[in-house]
Protein backbone atom coordinates (compact mmCIF):
# COMPACT_ATOMS: atom_id res chain seq x y z
CA MET A 1 -16.39 -9.20 24.38
CA ASP A 2 -18.71 -11.52 22.53
CA ASP A 3 -22.06 -9.55 23.78
CA ILE A 4 -20.60 -5.94 23.19
CA THR A 5 -21.79 -4.45 20.03
CA LEU A 6 -19.26 -2.70 17.67
CA ASP A 7 -19.42 -0.22 15.09
CA MET A 8 -16.65 -0.33 12.16
CA ARG A 9 -14.72 2.10 13.50
CA LEU A 10 -11.61 0.73 11.73
CA ASP A 11 -13.30 -0.15 8.06
CA GLY A 12 -10.85 0.32 5.70
CA LYS A 13 -8.08 0.12 8.17
CA VAL A 14 -4.32 -2.47 8.43
CA ALA A 15 -3.43 -3.55 11.47
CA LEU A 16 -0.22 -5.76 13.05
CA VAL A 17 -0.42 -7.03 16.07
CA THR A 18 3.14 -8.86 17.63
CA GLY A 19 2.87 -11.74 19.35
CA GLY A 20 -0.50 -12.27 18.36
CA SER A 21 -1.20 -15.86 18.54
CA ARG A 22 -2.06 -15.75 21.91
CA GLY A 23 -3.26 -13.97 25.38
CA ILE A 24 -3.39 -10.15 25.27
CA GLY A 25 -2.23 -10.15 21.68
CA ALA A 26 -4.74 -12.36 20.45
CA ALA A 27 -7.47 -10.61 22.17
CA VAL A 28 -6.41 -7.30 20.36
CA ALA A 29 -6.20 -8.93 17.00
CA VAL A 30 -9.56 -10.06 17.15
CA ARG A 31 -11.09 -6.95 18.72
CA LEU A 32 -9.30 -4.68 16.01
CA ALA A 33 -11.07 -7.21 13.32
CA ARG A 34 -14.30 -6.79 14.91
CA GLU A 35 -14.10 -2.61 14.85
CA GLY A 36 -13.49 -3.54 10.80
CA ALA A 37 -9.31 -3.89 10.69
CA ASP A 38 -7.68 -6.68 8.43
CA VAL A 39 -4.95 -7.88 10.81
CA ALA A 40 -2.24 -9.62 10.53
CA VAL A 41 -0.41 -11.29 13.48
CA THR A 42 3.30 -12.35 14.28
CA TYR A 43 3.84 -15.66 16.40
CA GLN A 44 7.20 -17.63 17.24
CA ARG A 45 6.17 -21.14 18.12
CA SER A 46 2.92 -22.27 17.53
CA GLN A 47 1.39 -22.22 13.67
CA GLU A 48 -2.11 -23.54 15.14
CA GLN A 49 -2.65 -21.22 17.67
CA ALA A 50 -1.52 -18.30 15.14
CA ALA A 51 -4.27 -20.29 12.84
CA GLU A 52 -7.11 -20.00 15.26
CA VAL A 53 -6.79 -16.49 15.66
CA VAL A 54 -6.75 -15.96 11.59
CA ALA A 55 -9.72 -17.99 11.82
CA ARG A 56 -11.27 -15.45 14.05
CA ILE A 57 -10.53 -12.51 12.16
CA LYS A 58 -11.97 -14.00 9.04
CA GLU A 59 -15.31 -14.42 10.88
CA ALA A 60 -15.41 -11.23 11.93
CA GLY A 61 -15.68 -10.60 8.20
CA ARG A 62 -12.06 -9.03 7.86
CA ARG A 63 -8.91 -10.31 5.76
CA GLY A 64 -6.42 -11.71 8.28
CA MET A 65 -3.07 -13.38 8.24
CA ALA A 66 -0.27 -15.03 10.46
CA VAL A 67 3.51 -14.83 9.62
CA ARG A 68 5.69 -16.67 11.75
CA ALA A 69 8.71 -14.15 13.04
CA ASP A 70 10.57 -13.98 16.05
CA ALA A 71 10.75 -10.79 17.80
CA GLY A 72 14.10 -10.68 18.69
CA ASP A 73 15.30 -11.15 15.41
CA GLY A 74 15.56 -7.42 13.84
CA GLU A 75 15.90 -8.64 10.58
CA ALA A 76 12.34 -11.52 10.59
CA VAL A 77 10.68 -8.19 12.29
CA ARG A 78 11.36 -6.13 9.01
CA THR A 79 11.01 -9.35 7.07
CA ALA A 80 7.18 -9.65 8.62
CA VAL A 81 6.30 -6.08 8.22
CA ARG A 82 7.14 -5.85 4.47
CA GLU A 83 4.79 -8.98 3.91
CA VAL A 84 1.93 -7.60 5.62
CA ALA A 85 1.89 -4.40 3.72
CA GLY A 86 2.36 -5.85 0.41
CA GLU A 87 -0.25 -8.20 1.04
CA PHE A 88 -2.71 -5.29 2.11
CA GLY A 89 -1.24 -2.96 -0.17
CA ARG A 90 -0.88 -0.61 2.97
CA LEU A 91 -0.31 -0.66 6.95
CA ASP A 92 -2.51 1.73 9.19
CA ILE A 93 -1.86 -0.04 12.59
CA LEU A 94 0.84 -1.30 14.79
CA VAL A 95 0.52 -3.10 18.29
CA ASN A 96 4.23 -3.84 19.57
CA ASN A 97 2.56 -6.89 22.07
CA ALA A 98 5.43 -9.62 21.58
CA GLY A 99 7.54 -9.70 24.52
CA ALA A 100 9.80 -11.94 26.64
CA GLY A 101 10.47 -11.90 30.33
CA VAL A 102 12.73 -14.03 32.43
CA LEU A 103 12.59 -14.04 36.24
CA GLY A 104 14.64 -14.42 39.27
CA PRO A 105 17.28 -13.00 41.56
CA VAL A 106 19.53 -10.62 39.82
CA GLU A 107 22.86 -12.32 40.33
CA GLY A 108 21.55 -15.18 38.90
CA LEU A 109 20.68 -13.48 35.53
CA THR A 110 23.01 -14.14 32.50
CA LEU A 111 23.78 -12.38 29.61
CA ASP A 112 21.97 -14.72 27.25
CA ASP A 113 18.76 -13.73 29.30
CA VAL A 114 19.88 -10.10 29.41
CA ASP A 115 20.25 -10.31 25.30
CA ARG A 116 17.09 -12.26 25.18
CA VAL A 117 14.98 -10.04 27.15
CA LEU A 118 16.07 -6.40 25.49
CA ALA A 119 16.19 -7.88 22.45
CA VAL A 120 12.36 -8.63 22.03
CA ASN A 121 10.93 -6.06 24.45
CA VAL A 122 12.74 -3.08 23.16
CA ARG A 123 14.70 -3.78 20.49
CA GLY A 124 11.77 -5.65 18.93
CA ALA A 125 9.40 -2.57 19.39
CA PHE A 126 11.54 -0.07 17.57
CA VAL A 127 12.53 -2.08 14.63
CA ALA A 128 8.87 -2.91 14.25
CA ALA A 129 7.63 1.03 14.85
CA GLN A 130 10.81 1.57 12.17
CA ALA A 131 10.01 -0.76 9.77
CA ALA A 132 6.44 0.28 9.60
CA LEU A 133 6.89 3.57 9.23
CA ALA A 134 7.90 3.18 5.60
CA TYR A 135 4.38 2.06 4.73
CA MET A 136 1.88 3.73 7.37
CA GLU A 137 0.53 6.86 6.22
CA ASP A 138 -0.16 10.01 7.51
CA GLY A 139 -2.65 9.34 10.68
CA GLY A 140 -1.64 6.33 11.43
CA ARG A 141 -1.14 4.51 15.20
CA ILE A 142 1.27 3.14 17.02
CA VAL A 143 0.33 1.01 20.47
CA THR A 144 2.85 -0.59 22.57
CA ILE A 145 2.33 -3.06 25.74
CA GLY A 146 4.31 -2.61 28.39
CA SER A 147 3.92 -3.72 32.02
CA CYS A 148 2.84 -1.82 35.34
CA LEU A 149 6.49 -2.77 36.81
CA ALA A 150 7.74 0.03 34.25
CA GLU A 151 6.44 2.31 37.10
CA ARG A 152 6.07 0.66 40.44
CA VAL A 153 8.34 -3.30 41.14
CA ALA A 154 6.56 -4.47 44.08
CA PHE A 155 8.48 -7.81 44.42
CA PRO A 156 11.61 -9.22 44.06
CA GLY A 157 12.95 -10.86 41.00
CA ALA A 158 11.85 -8.34 38.13
CA THR A 159 14.96 -6.45 37.30
CA LEU A 160 15.57 -7.27 34.04
CA TYR A 161 11.68 -7.44 33.03
CA ALA A 162 11.04 -3.91 34.31
CA THR A 163 14.19 -2.57 32.53
CA SER A 164 13.47 -3.38 29.55
CA LYS A 165 9.59 -2.22 29.95
CA SER A 166 10.48 0.94 31.27
CA ALA A 167 12.74 1.70 28.38
CA LEU A 168 9.62 1.75 26.24
CA THR A 169 8.19 4.59 27.96
CA GLY A 170 11.39 6.65 26.36
CA LEU A 171 10.52 4.85 23.45
CA THR A 172 6.36 5.92 23.00
CA ARG A 173 7.66 9.73 24.16
CA ALA A 174 10.11 10.16 21.28
CA LEU A 175 7.98 8.53 18.87
CA ALA A 176 5.42 10.90 19.58
CA ARG A 177 7.63 14.19 19.32
CA GLU A 178 9.01 12.99 16.26
CA LEU A 179 5.54 11.48 14.12
CA GLY A 180 3.30 14.20 15.78
CA PRO A 181 3.47 16.88 13.08
CA ARG A 182 2.35 13.58 10.72
CA GLY A 183 -0.73 12.86 12.61
CA ILE A 184 0.72 9.40 13.47
CA THR A 185 0.35 9.28 17.61
CA ALA A 186 2.32 6.98 19.62
CA ASN A 187 0.87 5.61 22.78
CA LEU A 188 2.01 3.17 25.55
CA ILE A 189 -0.39 0.83 27.50
CA ASN A 190 1.03 -0.75 30.79
CA PRO A 191 -0.85 -3.55 32.23
CA GLY A 192 -1.37 -5.24 35.47
CA PRO A 193 -1.71 -8.56 35.95
CA ILE A 194 -3.90 -10.45 33.29
CA ASP A 195 -5.41 -13.37 33.24
CA THR A 196 -3.65 -15.56 30.14
CA ASP A 197 -1.77 -18.78 30.19
CA MET A 198 0.98 -17.22 30.67
CA ASN A 199 0.35 -15.34 34.21
CA PRO A 200 -3.24 -17.06 34.78
CA ALA A 201 -5.37 -16.07 37.30
CA ASP A 202 -5.53 -19.28 39.47
CA GLY A 203 -1.29 -20.02 39.09
CA PRO A 204 1.00 -19.92 41.41
CA GLY A 205 0.95 -16.52 42.99
CA ALA A 206 -1.90 -15.33 41.33
CA GLU A 207 -3.39 -14.02 44.77
CA ALA A 208 -0.52 -12.11 45.76
CA GLN A 209 -0.54 -10.16 42.57
CA ALA A 210 -4.06 -9.58 42.65
CA ALA A 211 -3.97 -8.25 45.93
CA LEU A 212 -1.17 -5.99 44.93
CA THR A 213 -4.53 -4.37 42.96
CA ALA A 214 -6.81 -1.81 43.61
CA VAL A 215 -9.77 -3.60 42.44
CA GLY A 216 -7.90 -6.84 44.14
CA SER A 217 -8.72 -9.07 41.33
CA TYR A 218 -6.50 -9.59 37.79
CA GLY A 219 -8.02 -8.12 34.55
CA ARG A 220 -9.01 -9.82 30.90
CA ALA A 221 -7.15 -9.31 28.02
CA ALA A 222 -9.97 -7.68 26.62
CA ASP A 223 -9.36 -5.02 29.01
CA ILE A 224 -6.10 -4.16 27.52
CA ALA A 225 -7.93 -4.67 23.86
CA ALA A 226 -10.52 -2.09 24.42
CA THR A 227 -8.12 0.27 25.39
CA VAL A 228 -5.70 -0.49 22.12
CA ALA A 229 -9.09 -0.43 19.99
CA HIS A 230 -10.15 3.45 21.59
CA LEU A 231 -6.45 4.54 20.70
CA ALA A 232 -6.85 3.09 17.01
CA GLY A 233 -9.21 4.75 16.08
CA GLU A 234 -10.04 8.72 15.73
CA SER A 235 -11.25 8.41 19.19
CA GLY A 236 -7.02 8.28 20.27
CA ARG A 237 -6.00 10.87 17.63
CA TYR A 238 -5.14 13.69 20.28
CA ILE A 239 -3.30 11.03 22.30
CA THR A 240 -0.36 10.40 22.02
CA GLY A 241 3.19 10.17 24.04
CA ALA A 242 1.11 8.15 26.71
CA ALA A 243 1.56 5.94 29.02
CA ILE A 244 -1.87 4.24 30.30
CA ALA A 245 -2.22 2.02 32.74
CA VAL A 246 -4.75 -0.59 32.95
CA ASP A 247 -3.50 -2.07 35.99
CA GLY A 248 -6.35 -2.37 38.45
CA GLY A 249 -5.02 0.02 40.05
CA THR A 250 -1.75 -1.39 40.93
CA ASN A 251 0.06 1.32 40.53
CA ALA A 252 -2.30 3.75 42.72
């Protein structure tokens, strides 16, 4: 990504990326900054990783901030949105990236597992969008990161995760319909296997995941970030209610 010359399509915009301290979220945050946006990220655990992302945002010449907020805690999400809007004076772009996954046989999943995954992946995205709308002017953007497993579950053990990510389709379509009159778009990106520290391309099971794709390999976090940037800018103004696969043909 560093050798790509970017314009300032998002100059003057403010973005919030939930779960933005690493992986896809970090790549999205830095890409949006390099396109001109001031960017805030939320994180749950590593303040050091979040600070590194903020430093990269500032290296791009933009303002950055990090807010600790558990995406499964609705009040914490609301507070984070309010802090970001208060610091930057506005909020134009929300990227719902924070996620949680518990994989395993459905018989072995606990109620705590169910509550946690649904709280982070579904309620967290809903609450973030709801809170953001209090500060988002007409023409804003909501982009949510889902999963290719929402369309096709190609291996066992993903029942809970697929359930949570499938719910985001309904959320996205409903938001698009409700917010369309304001020019606010809502879209969903469904990644395939992406090389991150949570799912490395050389990790256990990676070969099987790569084999499920049409291209035969993992994608990069930068691939997702590029699609987010497209949707976040003026070029994405007529795309809403869409579920966009960035999955290397996993679901082709």
